[in-house]
Amino acid sequence: MSHVAHELHEEFPEHAEAIHALKAKNAHFARLTEEYHTLNRAIHRMETNVEPADDATMEDLKKKRLVLKDEIAGFLETA
């Protein structure tokens, strides 16, 4: 499989251990990271035309990914 940009370990490399620990002890955080991962993979498939999508759909999904990333970052700031 080709490289998928925007993976959490690339977005927050300095927080790799905190991400792992939070996923293990916080169910809400674990759900957020899973949603992010699923959405990020879907966006990647669309960007590589495996599953083509129109611009409005792509923009909407990227905004949702950013909201998830911001929420994940909020958890990491307090970890």
Protein backbone atom coordinates (compact mmCIF):
# COMPACT_ATOMS: atom_id res chain seq x y z
CA MET A 1 0.00 0.00 0.00
CA SER A 2 1.23 3.47 -0.74
CA HIS A 3 2.14 5.95 1.96
CA VAL A 4 -0.86 7.58 3.62
CA ALA A 5 -0.23 11.19 4.62
CA HIS A 6 -1.55 12.73 7.83
CA GLU A 7 -1.23 9.62 10.00
CA LEU A 8 -1.32 10.55 13.69
CA HIS A 9 2.21 9.33 14.35
CA GLU A 10 3.37 11.78 11.65
CA GLU A 11 1.14 14.62 12.80
CA PHE A 12 2.25 14.30 16.43
CA PRO A 13 5.62 12.47 16.38
CA GLU A 14 6.63 13.86 19.76
CA HIS A 15 3.47 12.42 21.33
CA ALA A 16 3.71 8.83 20.10
CA GLU A 17 3.91 7.40 23.63
CA ALA A 18 1.11 9.64 24.92
CA ILE A 19 -1.15 8.60 22.01
CA HIS A 20 -0.55 4.93 22.79
CA ALA A 21 -1.16 5.43 26.52
CA LEU A 22 -4.30 7.53 26.02
CA LYS A 23 -5.76 5.01 23.59
CA ALA A 24 -5.31 2.32 26.22
CA LYS A 25 -6.85 4.22 29.14
CA ASN A 26 -9.40 6.59 27.57
CA ALA A 27 -12.22 5.08 25.48
CA HIS A 28 -13.28 8.46 24.08
CA PHE A 29 -9.74 9.22 22.91
CA ALA A 30 -9.49 5.74 21.39
CA ARG A 31 -12.73 6.36 19.44
CA LEU A 32 -11.43 9.73 18.24
CA THR A 33 -8.21 8.20 16.95
CA GLU A 34 -10.11 5.39 15.24
CA GLU A 35 -12.48 7.89 13.58
CA TYR A 36 -9.47 9.95 12.49
CA HIS A 37 -7.74 6.88 11.08
CA THR A 38 -10.85 5.72 9.18
CA LEU A 39 -11.52 9.19 7.79
CA ASN A 40 -7.88 9.75 6.86
CA ARG A 41 -7.77 6.47 4.93
CA ALA A 42 -10.99 7.37 3.09
CA ILE A 43 -9.54 10.76 2.11
CA HIS A 44 -6.37 9.08 0.89
CA ARG A 45 -8.38 6.67 -1.28
CA MET A 46 -10.22 9.64 -2.77
CA GLU A 47 -7.05 11.65 -3.35
CA THR A 48 -5.46 8.71 -5.17
CA ASN A 49 -8.64 8.13 -7.22
CA VAL A 50 -9.19 4.66 -5.81
CA GLU A 51 -12.60 6.00 -4.75
CA PRO A 52 -13.06 9.26 -6.68
CA ALA A 53 -15.13 12.01 -5.06
CA ASP A 54 -16.21 15.52 -5.94
CA ASP A 55 -14.48 18.57 -4.49
CA ALA A 56 -17.30 19.40 -2.06
CA THR A 57 -17.16 15.91 -0.54
CA MET A 58 -13.38 16.08 -0.21
CA GLU A 59 -13.55 19.50 1.44
CA ASP A 60 -16.20 18.32 3.90
CA LEU A 61 -14.19 15.24 4.88
CA LYS A 62 -10.98 17.24 5.27
CA LYS A 63 -12.79 19.67 7.58
CA LYS A 64 -14.05 16.75 9.67
CA ARG A 65 -10.51 15.35 9.83
CA LEU A 66 -9.23 18.72 11.03
CA VAL A 67 -11.88 18.88 13.77
CA LEU A 68 -10.83 15.41 14.95
CA LYS A 69 -7.16 16.38 14.81
CA ASP A 70 -7.85 19.49 16.90
CA GLU A 71 -9.72 17.45 19.50
CA ILE A 72 -6.91 14.89 19.62
CA ALA A 73 -4.37 17.71 20.00
CA GLY A 74 -6.37 19.04 22.95
CA PHE A 75 -6.04 15.69 24.70
CA LEU A 76 -2.31 15.60 23.97
CA GLU A 77 -1.75 19.08 25.39
CA THR A 78 -3.06 17.93 28.77
CA ALA A 79 -1.30 14.53 28.72
